[in-house]
Amino acid sequence: MFSGSFSIWHWLIVLVIVIAIFGTKKIRNAGGDLGAAVRNFKKSMKEGEEEEEAKRQAAALAGETAKTVDASASANSTASQSSNAEHH
């Protein structure tokens, strides 16, 4: 029945039938709708990536702040221990 693949003529006949059934206006509208859907999808993916990057940067900043606070607290603790040792 089929030799395994369709030739260009088969696809042209299918295209002519689709145009005859739906008309060029509906096909053009469907193409525009599909294009808009793809653009919106790409836009939302880009926004999601930007949000993730902002979260990562905020977490990195918070981690650096915590390290700084821990280091200064450790330095203060060491300084107070050495001053207590001098007083005793």
N, C-alpha and C. Protein backbone atom coordinates (compact mmCIF):
# COMPACT_ATOMS: atom_id res chain seq x y z
N MET A 1 0.83 -1.18 0.00
CA MET A 1 0.00 0.00 0.00
C MET A 1 0.88 1.26 0.00
N PHE A 2 1.66 1.48 1.09
CA PHE A 2 2.60 2.61 1.14
C PHE A 2 4.00 2.05 1.02
N SER A 3 4.85 2.79 0.36
CA SER A 3 6.22 2.32 0.19
C SER A 3 7.13 2.70 1.35
N GLY A 4 6.59 3.28 2.41
CA GLY A 4 7.39 3.60 3.59
C GLY A 4 7.49 5.08 3.85
N SER A 5 7.50 5.90 2.83
CA SER A 5 7.57 7.34 3.04
C SER A 5 6.73 8.04 1.98
N PHE A 6 6.33 9.24 2.33
CA PHE A 6 5.52 10.01 1.40
C PHE A 6 6.41 10.88 0.53
N SER A 7 6.05 11.01 -0.71
CA SER A 7 6.81 11.89 -1.60
C SER A 7 6.28 13.32 -1.45
N ILE A 8 6.93 14.25 -2.11
CA ILE A 8 6.51 15.64 -2.06
C ILE A 8 5.10 15.80 -2.63
N TRP A 9 4.75 14.98 -3.58
CA TRP A 9 3.41 15.07 -4.19
C TRP A 9 2.33 14.70 -3.19
N HIS A 10 2.60 13.73 -2.35
CA HIS A 10 1.62 13.36 -1.32
C HIS A 10 1.38 14.53 -0.38
N TRP A 11 2.46 15.18 0.04
CA TRP A 11 2.33 16.31 0.97
C TRP A 11 1.63 17.50 0.32
N LEU A 12 1.87 17.74 -0.97
CA LEU A 12 1.19 18.83 -1.67
C LEU A 12 -0.31 18.56 -1.77
N ILE A 13 -0.69 17.33 -2.02
CA ILE A 13 -2.11 16.98 -2.08
C ILE A 13 -2.76 17.18 -0.72
N VAL A 14 -2.09 16.76 0.35
CA VAL A 14 -2.61 16.96 1.70
C VAL A 14 -2.76 18.46 1.99
N LEU A 15 -1.78 19.26 1.60
CA LEU A 15 -1.83 20.70 1.80
C LEU A 15 -3.02 21.32 1.06
N VAL A 16 -3.24 20.93 -0.17
CA VAL A 16 -4.37 21.45 -0.95
C VAL A 16 -5.69 21.08 -0.29
N ILE A 17 -5.81 19.88 0.22
CA ILE A 17 -7.04 19.45 0.88
C ILE A 17 -7.27 20.25 2.16
N VAL A 18 -6.22 20.46 2.95
CA VAL A 18 -6.34 21.23 4.19
C VAL A 18 -6.76 22.66 3.89
N ILE A 19 -6.15 23.27 2.86
CA ILE A 19 -6.52 24.64 2.49
C ILE A 19 -7.97 24.68 2.00
N ALA A 20 -8.39 23.68 1.26
CA ALA A 20 -9.77 23.65 0.76
C ALA A 20 -10.77 23.52 1.90
N ILE A 21 -10.42 22.75 2.93
CA ILE A 21 -11.34 22.54 4.05
C ILE A 21 -11.38 23.76 4.96
N PHE A 22 -10.23 24.26 5.37
CA PHE A 22 -10.18 25.31 6.39
C PHE A 22 -10.09 26.72 5.81
N GLY A 23 -9.56 26.88 4.65
CA GLY A 23 -9.37 28.20 4.07
C GLY A 23 -8.08 28.83 4.58
N THR A 24 -7.57 29.78 3.82
CA THR A 24 -6.28 30.37 4.18
C THR A 24 -6.38 31.27 5.40
N LYS A 25 -7.53 31.91 5.61
CA LYS A 25 -7.66 32.83 6.75
C LYS A 25 -7.56 32.07 8.07
N LYS A 26 -8.25 30.95 8.19
CA LYS A 26 -8.19 30.17 9.43
C LYS A 26 -6.79 29.60 9.66
N ILE A 27 -6.14 29.18 8.59
CA ILE A 27 -4.79 28.64 8.72
C ILE A 27 -3.84 29.75 9.16
N ARG A 28 -3.98 30.96 8.58
CA ARG A 28 -3.15 32.09 8.96
C ARG A 28 -3.38 32.45 10.43
N ASN A 29 -4.64 32.46 10.87
CA ASN A 29 -4.95 32.76 12.27
C ASN A 29 -4.35 31.70 13.20
N ALA A 30 -4.45 30.45 12.80
CA ALA A 30 -3.89 29.37 13.63
C ALA A 30 -2.37 29.51 13.71
N GLY A 31 -1.73 29.89 12.62
CA GLY A 31 -0.29 30.11 12.63
C GLY A 31 0.10 31.27 13.53
N GLY A 32 -0.69 32.34 13.49
CA GLY A 32 -0.43 33.49 14.36
C GLY A 32 -0.62 33.14 15.82
N ASP A 33 -1.67 32.37 16.11
CA ASP A 33 -1.91 31.94 17.49
C ASP A 33 -0.78 31.04 17.99
N LEU A 34 -0.32 30.16 17.14
CA LEU A 34 0.78 29.28 17.51
C LEU A 34 2.05 30.09 17.77
N GLY A 35 2.31 31.07 16.91
CA GLY A 35 3.49 31.93 17.10
C GLY A 35 3.41 32.71 18.40
N ALA A 36 2.22 33.24 18.73
CA ALA A 36 2.04 33.98 19.98
C ALA A 36 2.24 33.06 21.18
N ALA A 37 1.75 31.84 21.08
CA ALA A 37 1.92 30.89 22.18
C ALA A 37 3.39 30.57 22.41
N VAL A 38 4.14 30.40 21.34
CA VAL A 38 5.57 30.11 21.45
C VAL A 38 6.30 31.30 22.07
N ARG A 39 5.97 32.53 21.63
CA ARG A 39 6.60 33.73 22.20
C ARG A 39 6.30 33.85 23.68
N ASN A 40 5.04 33.62 24.08
CA ASN A 40 4.68 33.71 25.50
C ASN A 40 5.40 32.65 26.32
N PHE A 41 5.54 31.45 25.76
CA PHE A 41 6.25 30.39 26.46
C PHE A 41 7.71 30.76 26.68
N LYS A 42 8.36 31.27 25.63
CA LYS A 42 9.76 31.68 25.76
C LYS A 42 9.91 32.81 26.76
N LYS A 43 8.97 33.75 26.75
CA LYS A 43 9.02 34.89 27.68
C LYS A 43 8.90 34.41 29.12
N SER A 44 7.97 33.50 29.38
CA SER A 44 7.79 33.00 30.74
C SER A 44 8.99 32.17 31.19
N MET A 45 9.61 31.43 30.29
CA MET A 45 10.81 30.67 30.64
C MET A 45 11.95 31.62 31.00
N LYS A 46 12.09 32.70 30.25
CA LYS A 46 13.15 33.67 30.52
C LYS A 46 12.91 34.35 31.86
N GLU A 47 11.66 34.71 32.15
CA GLU A 47 11.33 35.35 33.43
C GLU A 47 11.61 34.39 34.59
N GLY A 48 11.29 33.12 34.41
CA GLY A 48 11.56 32.12 35.45
C GLY A 48 13.04 31.98 35.72
N GLU A 49 13.85 32.00 34.66
CA GLU A 49 15.30 31.91 34.84
C GLU A 49 15.84 33.14 35.55
N GLU A 50 15.28 34.32 35.23
CA GLU A 50 15.73 35.55 35.89
C GLU A 50 15.39 35.53 37.38
N GLU A 51 14.20 35.00 37.72
CA GLU A 51 13.81 34.89 39.13
C GLU A 51 14.73 33.94 39.88
N GLU A 52 15.06 32.81 39.25
CA GLU A 52 15.97 31.84 39.88
C GLU A 52 17.34 32.46 40.12
N GLU A 53 17.83 33.22 39.14
CA GLU A 53 19.14 33.86 39.28
C GLU A 53 19.11 34.88 40.41
N ALA A 54 18.01 35.63 40.52
CA ALA A 54 17.89 36.62 41.61
C ALA A 54 17.88 35.92 42.97
N LYS A 55 17.20 34.78 43.05
CA LYS A 55 17.16 34.02 44.31
C LYS A 55 18.56 33.51 44.67
N ARG A 56 19.28 33.01 43.65
CA ARG A 56 20.64 32.51 43.90
C ARG A 56 21.55 33.63 44.38
N GLN A 57 21.43 34.80 43.77
CA GLN A 57 22.27 35.93 44.17
C GLN A 57 21.92 36.38 45.58
N ALA A 58 20.62 36.39 45.92
CA ALA A 58 20.21 36.79 47.26
C ALA A 58 20.72 35.78 48.29
N ALA A 59 20.66 34.50 47.96
CA ALA A 59 21.16 33.47 48.87
C ALA A 59 22.67 33.60 49.05
N ALA A 60 23.37 33.88 47.98
CA ALA A 60 24.83 34.05 48.07
C ALA A 60 25.16 35.27 48.92
N LEU A 61 24.41 36.34 48.74
CA LEU A 61 24.63 37.55 49.55
C LEU A 61 24.35 37.27 51.01
N ALA A 62 23.26 36.54 51.28
CA ALA A 62 22.91 36.21 52.66
C ALA A 62 23.99 35.32 53.27
N GLY A 63 24.53 34.40 52.50
CA GLY A 63 25.60 33.53 52.98
C GLY A 63 26.85 34.32 53.31
N GLU A 64 27.20 35.28 52.48
CA GLU A 64 28.38 36.11 52.74
C GLU A 64 28.18 36.96 53.98
N THR A 65 26.97 37.48 54.15
CA THR A 65 26.66 38.30 55.33
C THR A 65 26.75 37.44 56.59
N ALA A 66 26.23 36.22 56.52
CA ALA A 66 26.28 35.33 57.68
C ALA A 66 27.73 34.98 58.02
N LYS A 67 28.56 34.76 57.02
CA LYS A 67 29.97 34.45 57.27
C LYS A 67 30.66 35.64 57.92
N THR A 68 30.34 36.84 57.46
CA THR A 68 30.95 38.05 58.03
C THR A 68 30.52 38.22 59.48
N VAL A 69 29.23 38.01 59.75
CA VAL A 69 28.73 38.13 61.12
C VAL A 69 29.37 37.08 62.00
N ASP A 70 29.47 35.83 61.52
CA ASP A 70 30.10 34.77 62.29
C ASP A 70 31.57 35.08 62.56
N ALA A 71 32.27 35.59 61.58
CA ALA A 71 33.69 35.90 61.75
C ALA A 71 33.87 37.02 62.76
N SER A 72 33.03 38.05 62.70
CA SER A 72 33.18 39.15 63.66
C SER A 72 32.77 38.70 65.06
N ALA A 73 31.77 37.84 65.16
CA ALA A 73 31.37 37.32 66.47
C ALA A 73 32.49 36.46 67.05
N SER A 74 33.12 35.67 66.20
CA SER A 74 34.22 34.83 66.65
C SER A 74 35.40 35.68 67.10
N ALA A 75 35.68 36.74 66.36
CA ALA A 75 36.78 37.64 66.74
C ALA A 75 36.48 38.33 68.06
N ASN A 76 35.24 38.75 68.25
CA ASN A 76 34.85 39.40 69.51
C ASN A 76 34.94 38.42 70.67
N SER A 77 34.54 37.18 70.43
CA SER A 77 34.59 36.17 71.47
C SER A 77 36.03 35.88 71.87
N THR A 78 36.91 35.77 70.89
CA THR A 78 38.32 35.51 71.15
C THR A 78 38.95 36.68 71.90
N ALA A 79 38.60 37.89 71.50
CA ALA A 79 39.14 39.09 72.16
C ALA A 79 38.66 39.17 73.60
N SER A 80 37.40 38.86 73.85
CA SER A 80 36.88 38.94 75.22
C SER A 80 37.48 37.83 76.09
N GLN A 81 37.74 36.66 75.51
CA GLN A 81 38.35 35.59 76.27
C GLN A 81 39.78 35.95 76.66
N SER A 82 40.51 36.57 75.75
CA SER A 82 41.89 36.93 76.06
C SER A 82 41.92 38.08 77.07
N SER A 83 40.97 39.00 77.02
CA SER A 83 40.95 40.08 78.01
C SER A 83 40.53 39.55 79.38
N ASN A 84 39.65 38.56 79.40
CA ASN A 84 39.26 37.93 80.67
C ASN A 84 40.44 37.18 81.27
N ALA A 85 41.24 36.55 80.44
CA ALA A 85 42.40 35.81 80.93
C ALA A 85 43.44 36.77 81.51
N GLU A 86 43.56 37.96 80.94
CA GLU A 86 44.52 38.93 81.44
C GLU A 86 44.09 39.49 82.80
N HIS A 87 42.79 39.61 83.01
CA HIS A 87 42.27 40.17 84.25
C HIS A 87 42.35 39.17 85.40
N HIS A 88 42.43 37.89 85.12
CA HIS A 88 42.46 36.88 86.20
C HIS A 88 43.80 36.56 86.59
